[in-house]
Amino acid sequence: MTGSSSHHIRNICVFGGSSPGKEKEFLESTNHLGQVLAERKIHLVYGEGSLGLMGGLSIAVFLGGNQVLGVAPKALEKGDIIRKTIGEELQVSIMSDRMNAMFNHVDAFIALPGGLGTLEEIFHIFF
């Protein structure tokens, strides 16, 4: 590839499962992604919590010294549904506000393995 891009990714939103998945390679690859983001000084914006793939990713980015912003509706804060967020938290009223807030804070998106919620998030950024 020749030339250089004038657009540098500083903040990235990652969508993925709140479970570790059935294959250990999913979690290993997610942790590696977190290390790469940290090395490149790319900050993470995600759907909040410390469970599964997204929890592993947020921990890797945070331990690498980068900012992590978890965005979630207030309803998920009740109880122990998503566990403690790594890094900063941004609470919004409803799920559609969550997607808009994430969209407004990032330069790019990555999708990891996940379920229907991840699929919905992918479709949301296209429309």
N, C-alpha and C. Protein backbone atom coordinates (compact mmCIF):
# COMPACT_ATOMS: atom_id res chain seq x y z
N MET A 1 0.85 -1.16 0.00
CA MET A 1 0.00 0.00 0.00
C MET A 1 0.90 1.23 0.00
N THR A 2 0.65 2.16 -0.85
CA THR A 2 1.46 3.37 -0.93
C THR A 2 0.68 4.56 -0.41
N GLY A 3 1.42 5.60 -0.06
CA GLY A 3 0.77 6.81 0.42
C GLY A 3 0.38 6.67 1.87
N SER A 4 -0.18 7.75 2.41
CA SER A 4 -0.63 7.71 3.79
C SER A 4 -2.01 8.32 3.89
N SER A 5 -2.74 7.86 4.84
CA SER A 5 -4.09 8.36 5.06
C SER A 5 -4.06 9.58 5.96
N SER A 6 -4.90 10.54 5.68
CA SER A 6 -4.97 11.72 6.53
C SER A 6 -5.92 11.49 7.70
N HIS A 7 -6.60 10.36 7.71
CA HIS A 7 -7.55 10.05 8.78
C HIS A 7 -6.94 9.03 9.73
N HIS A 8 -6.78 9.43 10.97
CA HIS A 8 -6.22 8.53 11.97
C HIS A 8 -7.33 8.11 12.93
N ILE A 9 -7.45 6.83 13.16
CA ILE A 9 -8.47 6.32 14.08
C ILE A 9 -7.98 6.51 15.50
N ARG A 10 -8.74 7.28 16.26
CA ARG A 10 -8.40 7.53 17.66
C ARG A 10 -9.34 6.80 18.61
N ASN A 11 -10.58 6.63 18.20
CA ASN A 11 -11.60 5.99 19.02
C ASN A 11 -12.34 4.97 18.16
N ILE A 12 -12.51 3.78 18.70
CA ILE A 12 -13.17 2.73 17.94
C ILE A 12 -14.25 2.08 18.80
N CYS A 13 -15.35 1.77 18.17
CA CYS A 13 -16.44 1.07 18.84
C CYS A 13 -16.38 -0.40 18.43
N VAL A 14 -16.43 -1.28 19.42
CA VAL A 14 -16.41 -2.70 19.14
C VAL A 14 -17.70 -3.32 19.67
N PHE A 15 -18.35 -4.08 18.81
CA PHE A 15 -19.54 -4.84 19.18
C PHE A 15 -19.15 -6.31 19.30
N GLY A 16 -19.73 -7.00 20.23
CA GLY A 16 -19.46 -8.42 20.38
C GLY A 16 -20.24 -9.00 21.54
N GLY A 17 -20.05 -10.28 21.75
CA GLY A 17 -20.81 -11.01 22.74
C GLY A 17 -20.46 -10.69 24.18
N SER A 18 -21.47 -10.81 25.03
CA SER A 18 -21.25 -10.66 26.47
C SER A 18 -20.99 -12.02 27.11
N SER A 19 -20.77 -13.02 26.26
CA SER A 19 -20.32 -14.33 26.75
C SER A 19 -18.99 -14.62 26.06
N PRO A 20 -18.20 -15.54 26.60
CA PRO A 20 -16.89 -15.80 26.00
C PRO A 20 -16.96 -16.62 24.72
N GLY A 21 -18.11 -17.12 24.36
CA GLY A 21 -18.23 -17.92 23.15
C GLY A 21 -17.86 -19.37 23.42
N LYS A 22 -18.09 -20.20 22.43
CA LYS A 22 -17.84 -21.63 22.58
C LYS A 22 -16.42 -22.03 22.24
N GLU A 23 -15.74 -21.19 21.52
CA GLU A 23 -14.37 -21.49 21.09
C GLU A 23 -13.39 -20.62 21.86
N LYS A 24 -12.36 -21.22 22.45
CA LYS A 24 -11.38 -20.43 23.21
C LYS A 24 -10.64 -19.44 22.33
N GLU A 25 -10.58 -19.72 21.02
CA GLU A 25 -9.92 -18.80 20.10
C GLU A 25 -10.63 -17.45 20.04
N PHE A 26 -11.96 -17.43 20.27
CA PHE A 26 -12.68 -16.16 20.27
C PHE A 26 -12.13 -15.24 21.35
N LEU A 27 -11.99 -15.76 22.55
CA LEU A 27 -11.49 -14.95 23.67
C LEU A 27 -10.03 -14.59 23.47
N GLU A 28 -9.23 -15.51 22.98
CA GLU A 28 -7.82 -15.22 22.71
C GLU A 28 -7.67 -14.12 21.66
N SER A 29 -8.45 -14.20 20.59
CA SER A 29 -8.38 -13.19 19.53
C SER A 29 -8.87 -11.83 20.03
N THR A 30 -9.89 -11.85 20.87
CA THR A 30 -10.41 -10.61 21.43
C THR A 30 -9.37 -9.95 22.33
N ASN A 31 -8.71 -10.74 23.16
CA ASN A 31 -7.66 -10.19 24.02
C ASN A 31 -6.51 -9.63 23.18
N HIS A 32 -6.17 -10.32 22.09
CA HIS A 32 -5.12 -9.81 21.20
C HIS A 32 -5.55 -8.49 20.56
N LEU A 33 -6.80 -8.39 20.14
CA LEU A 33 -7.30 -7.13 19.59
C LEU A 33 -7.15 -6.02 20.61
N GLY A 34 -7.49 -6.29 21.87
CA GLY A 34 -7.34 -5.28 22.92
C GLY A 34 -5.90 -4.83 23.07
N GLN A 35 -4.96 -5.75 22.97
CA GLN A 35 -3.54 -5.41 23.05
C GLN A 35 -3.12 -4.55 21.86
N VAL A 36 -3.61 -4.89 20.68
CA VAL A 36 -3.27 -4.11 19.47
C VAL A 36 -3.84 -2.70 19.58
N LEU A 37 -5.08 -2.58 20.03
CA LEU A 37 -5.67 -1.25 20.20
C LEU A 37 -4.85 -0.43 21.19
N ALA A 38 -4.44 -1.07 22.29
CA ALA A 38 -3.65 -0.37 23.30
C ALA A 38 -2.31 0.08 22.73
N GLU A 39 -1.64 -0.80 22.00
CA GLU A 39 -0.34 -0.46 21.40
C GLU A 39 -0.45 0.71 20.43
N ARG A 40 -1.56 0.78 19.73
CA ARG A 40 -1.75 1.84 18.73
C ARG A 40 -2.43 3.08 19.32
N LYS A 41 -2.64 3.07 20.62
CA LYS A 41 -3.24 4.21 21.34
C LYS A 41 -4.64 4.54 20.81
N ILE A 42 -5.39 3.50 20.52
CA ILE A 42 -6.78 3.67 20.06
C ILE A 42 -7.70 3.40 21.25
N HIS A 43 -8.54 4.36 21.56
CA HIS A 43 -9.46 4.26 22.69
C HIS A 43 -10.68 3.44 22.30
N LEU A 44 -11.25 2.76 23.29
CA LEU A 44 -12.38 1.86 23.08
C LEU A 44 -13.69 2.47 23.57
N VAL A 45 -14.72 2.35 22.75
CA VAL A 45 -16.09 2.64 23.15
C VAL A 45 -16.85 1.34 22.95
N TYR A 46 -17.60 0.92 23.98
CA TYR A 46 -18.32 -0.34 23.89
C TYR A 46 -19.60 -0.28 24.70
N GLY A 47 -20.36 -1.35 24.68
CA GLY A 47 -21.67 -1.37 25.31
C GLY A 47 -21.68 -1.61 26.80
N GLU A 48 -20.57 -1.50 27.46
CA GLU A 48 -20.45 -1.54 28.91
C GLU A 48 -20.42 -2.96 29.46
N GLY A 49 -19.87 -3.09 30.64
CA GLY A 49 -19.82 -4.35 31.37
C GLY A 49 -18.46 -5.02 31.32
N SER A 50 -18.35 -6.10 32.09
CA SER A 50 -17.07 -6.79 32.18
C SER A 50 -17.21 -8.28 31.92
N LEU A 51 -18.25 -8.67 31.21
CA LEU A 51 -18.49 -10.08 30.92
C LEU A 51 -18.08 -10.44 29.49
N GLY A 52 -17.72 -11.69 29.30
CA GLY A 52 -17.51 -12.25 27.97
C GLY A 52 -16.44 -11.59 27.14
N LEU A 53 -16.64 -11.64 25.82
CA LEU A 53 -15.67 -11.07 24.89
C LEU A 53 -15.47 -9.58 25.14
N MET A 54 -16.56 -8.87 25.34
CA MET A 54 -16.45 -7.42 25.50
C MET A 54 -15.76 -7.06 26.81
N GLY A 55 -15.98 -7.84 27.85
CA GLY A 55 -15.27 -7.61 29.11
C GLY A 55 -13.79 -7.83 28.95
N GLY A 56 -13.42 -8.93 28.27
CA GLY A 56 -12.00 -9.21 28.03
C GLY A 56 -11.33 -8.14 27.21
N LEU A 57 -12.03 -7.66 26.20
CA LEU A 57 -11.49 -6.59 25.35
C LEU A 57 -11.29 -5.32 26.15
N SER A 58 -12.29 -4.93 26.92
CA SER A 58 -12.19 -3.68 27.68
C SER A 58 -11.06 -3.75 28.70
N ILE A 59 -10.88 -4.90 29.33
CA ILE A 59 -9.80 -5.05 30.30
C ILE A 59 -8.44 -4.93 29.62
N ALA A 60 -8.27 -5.58 28.46
CA ALA A 60 -6.99 -5.52 27.73
C ALA A 60 -6.66 -4.09 27.31
N VAL A 61 -7.65 -3.36 26.80
CA VAL A 61 -7.41 -1.97 26.37
C VAL A 61 -7.09 -1.10 27.58
N PHE A 62 -7.83 -1.27 28.66
CA PHE A 62 -7.64 -0.47 29.87
C PHE A 62 -6.27 -0.74 30.49
N LEU A 63 -5.89 -2.00 30.61
CA LEU A 63 -4.59 -2.36 31.18
C LEU A 63 -3.45 -1.87 30.28
N GLY A 64 -3.73 -1.70 28.99
CA GLY A 64 -2.74 -1.16 28.06
C GLY A 64 -2.58 0.35 28.17
N GLY A 65 -3.36 0.98 29.05
CA GLY A 65 -3.21 2.40 29.31
C GLY A 65 -4.10 3.30 28.49
N ASN A 66 -5.08 2.74 27.81
CA ASN A 66 -5.96 3.56 26.98
C ASN A 66 -7.30 3.82 27.65
N GLN A 67 -7.99 4.83 27.13
CA GLN A 67 -9.31 5.15 27.65
C GLN A 67 -10.32 4.12 27.17
N VAL A 68 -11.26 3.83 28.06
CA VAL A 68 -12.35 2.92 27.75
C VAL A 68 -13.63 3.61 28.19
N LEU A 69 -14.60 3.67 27.28
CA LEU A 69 -15.89 4.28 27.58
C LEU A 69 -16.98 3.24 27.37
N GLY A 70 -17.68 2.90 28.44
CA GLY A 70 -18.81 1.98 28.35
C GLY A 70 -20.10 2.77 28.32
N VAL A 71 -20.96 2.47 27.34
CA VAL A 71 -22.22 3.20 27.17
C VAL A 71 -23.37 2.22 27.36
N ALA A 72 -24.29 2.54 28.27
CA ALA A 72 -25.43 1.64 28.51
C ALA A 72 -26.63 2.41 29.02
N PRO A 73 -27.81 1.90 28.73
CA PRO A 73 -29.03 2.51 29.27
C PRO A 73 -29.11 2.29 30.78
N LYS A 74 -29.76 3.22 31.45
CA LYS A 74 -29.89 3.16 32.91
C LYS A 74 -30.52 1.86 33.37
N ALA A 75 -31.41 1.29 32.58
CA ALA A 75 -32.10 0.05 32.99
C ALA A 75 -31.13 -1.10 33.21
N LEU A 76 -30.02 -1.13 32.50
CA LEU A 76 -29.04 -2.20 32.68
C LEU A 76 -28.19 -2.02 33.93
N GLU A 77 -28.23 -0.84 34.51
CA GLU A 77 -27.45 -0.58 35.72
C GLU A 77 -28.09 -1.25 36.95
N LYS A 78 -29.36 -1.53 36.88
CA LYS A 78 -30.05 -2.16 38.00
C LYS A 78 -29.71 -3.64 38.03
N GLY A 79 -29.34 -4.10 39.19
CA GLY A 79 -28.97 -5.51 39.30
C GLY A 79 -27.54 -5.72 38.85
N ASP A 80 -27.23 -6.97 38.55
CA ASP A 80 -25.86 -7.33 38.17
C ASP A 80 -25.87 -7.98 36.79
N ILE A 81 -26.58 -7.36 35.85
CA ILE A 81 -26.76 -7.94 34.52
C ILE A 81 -25.46 -7.95 33.73
N ILE A 82 -24.72 -6.85 33.77
CA ILE A 82 -23.54 -6.73 32.92
C ILE A 82 -22.23 -6.64 33.70
N ARG A 83 -22.33 -6.62 35.01
CA ARG A 83 -21.18 -6.47 35.89
C ARG A 83 -20.57 -5.08 35.76
N LYS A 84 -19.51 -4.85 36.48
CA LYS A 84 -18.87 -3.53 36.55
C LYS A 84 -18.20 -3.16 35.24
N THR A 85 -18.41 -1.94 34.82
CA THR A 85 -17.78 -1.42 33.60
C THR A 85 -16.32 -1.11 33.88
N ILE A 86 -15.48 -1.43 32.90
CA ILE A 86 -14.07 -1.09 32.97
C ILE A 86 -13.91 0.30 32.36
N GLY A 87 -13.28 1.23 33.07
CA GLY A 87 -13.09 2.57 32.54
C GLY A 87 -14.25 3.49 32.89
N GLU A 88 -14.51 4.45 32.02
CA GLU A 88 -15.57 5.43 32.24
C GLU A 88 -16.92 4.86 31.82
N GLU A 89 -17.97 5.40 32.42
CA GLU A 89 -19.33 5.00 32.07
C GLU A 89 -20.12 6.20 31.57
N LEU A 90 -20.92 5.97 30.57
CA LEU A 90 -21.86 6.97 30.08
C LEU A 90 -23.23 6.33 30.10
N GLN A 91 -24.11 6.86 30.94
CA GLN A 91 -25.47 6.33 31.01
C GLN A 91 -26.38 7.13 30.09
N VAL A 92 -27.23 6.41 29.38
CA VAL A 92 -28.23 7.02 28.50
C VAL A 92 -29.60 6.49 28.91
N SER A 93 -30.63 7.10 28.37
CA SER A 93 -31.99 6.72 28.76
C SER A 93 -32.43 5.39 28.17
N ILE A 94 -32.28 5.24 26.85
CA ILE A 94 -32.80 4.05 26.17
C ILE A 94 -31.77 3.50 25.18
N MET A 95 -32.01 2.29 24.68
CA MET A 95 -31.06 1.62 23.80
C MET A 95 -30.74 2.43 22.54
N SER A 96 -31.73 3.09 21.95
CA SER A 96 -31.43 3.85 20.74
C SER A 96 -30.50 5.03 21.05
N ASP A 97 -30.62 5.60 22.24
CA ASP A 97 -29.69 6.66 22.66
C ASP A 97 -28.29 6.09 22.84
N ARG A 98 -28.21 4.84 23.26
CA ARG A 98 -26.92 4.17 23.43
C ARG A 98 -26.20 4.08 22.09
N MET A 99 -26.90 3.63 21.06
CA MET A 99 -26.29 3.50 19.75
C MET A 99 -25.86 4.87 19.21
N ASN A 100 -26.70 5.87 19.39
CA ASN A 100 -26.36 7.21 18.91
C ASN A 100 -25.13 7.76 19.64
N ALA A 101 -25.05 7.54 20.95
CA ALA A 101 -23.90 8.02 21.72
C ALA A 101 -22.62 7.32 21.26
N MET A 102 -22.70 6.01 21.05
CA MET A 102 -21.51 5.29 20.58
C MET A 102 -21.10 5.79 19.20
N PHE A 103 -22.07 5.96 18.32
CA PHE A 103 -21.80 6.43 16.96
C PHE A 103 -21.11 7.79 16.97
N ASN A 104 -21.52 8.67 17.87
CA ASN A 104 -20.98 10.03 17.93
C ASN A 104 -19.61 10.13 18.59
N HIS A 105 -19.14 9.06 19.22
CA HIS A 105 -17.87 9.10 19.93
C HIS A 105 -16.73 8.39 19.19
N VAL A 106 -16.98 7.82 18.00
CA VAL A 106 -15.95 6.98 17.39
C VAL A 106 -15.66 7.35 15.94
N ASP A 107 -14.53 6.82 15.47
CA ASP A 107 -14.10 7.00 14.09
C ASP A 107 -14.36 5.75 13.25
N ALA A 108 -14.52 4.59 13.90
CA ALA A 108 -14.67 3.33 13.17
C ALA A 108 -15.34 2.29 14.06
N PHE A 109 -15.72 1.17 13.46
CA PHE A 109 -16.40 0.08 14.16
C PHE A 109 -15.74 -1.26 13.84
N ILE A 110 -15.80 -2.17 14.81
CA ILE A 110 -15.39 -3.56 14.61
C ILE A 110 -16.49 -4.43 15.21
N ALA A 111 -16.81 -5.52 14.54
CA ALA A 111 -17.77 -6.48 15.08
C ALA A 111 -17.05 -7.80 15.34
N LEU A 112 -17.22 -8.31 16.54
CA LEU A 112 -16.69 -9.61 16.96
C LEU A 112 -17.85 -10.61 16.99
N PRO A 113 -17.55 -11.88 17.19
CA PRO A 113 -18.63 -12.86 17.32
C PRO A 113 -19.59 -12.46 18.44
N GLY A 114 -20.85 -12.68 18.20
CA GLY A 114 -21.86 -12.35 19.19
C GLY A 114 -23.19 -12.94 18.78
N GLY A 115 -24.23 -12.49 19.43
CA GLY A 115 -25.57 -13.00 19.16
C GLY A 115 -26.42 -11.99 18.43
N LEU A 116 -27.71 -12.05 18.71
CA LEU A 116 -28.66 -11.16 18.03
C LEU A 116 -28.40 -9.69 18.35
N GLY A 117 -27.97 -9.40 19.57
CA GLY A 117 -27.67 -8.01 19.93
C GLY A 117 -26.55 -7.43 19.09
N THR A 118 -25.52 -8.24 18.86
CA THR A 118 -24.41 -7.80 18.03
C THR A 118 -24.87 -7.58 16.59
N LEU A 119 -25.69 -8.48 16.10
CA LEU A 119 -26.22 -8.34 14.74
C LEU A 119 -27.05 -7.06 14.62
N GLU A 120 -27.87 -6.78 15.61
CA GLU A 120 -28.67 -5.56 15.61
C GLU A 120 -27.77 -4.32 15.58
N GLU A 121 -26.70 -4.35 16.36
CA GLU A 121 -25.78 -3.21 16.38
C GLU A 121 -25.12 -2.99 15.02
N ILE A 122 -24.75 -4.07 14.36
CA ILE A 122 -24.15 -3.97 13.04
C ILE A 122 -25.13 -3.32 12.06
N PHE A 123 -26.37 -3.78 12.06
CA PHE A 123 -27.37 -3.21 11.17
C PHE A 123 -27.63 -1.75 11.47
N HIS A 124 -27.59 -1.39 12.74
CA HIS A 124 -27.86 -0.01 13.12
C HIS A 124 -26.84 0.95 12.51
N ILE A 125 -25.58 0.57 12.48
CA ILE A 125 -24.57 1.50 11.93
C ILE A 125 -24.67 1.65 10.42
N PHE A 126 -25.31 0.67 9.75
CA PHE A 126 -25.47 0.77 8.31
C PHE A 126 -26.67 1.61 7.92
N PHE A 127 -27.63 1.75 8.81
CA PHE A 127 -28.86 2.47 8.46
C PHE A 127 -29.00 3.64 9.33
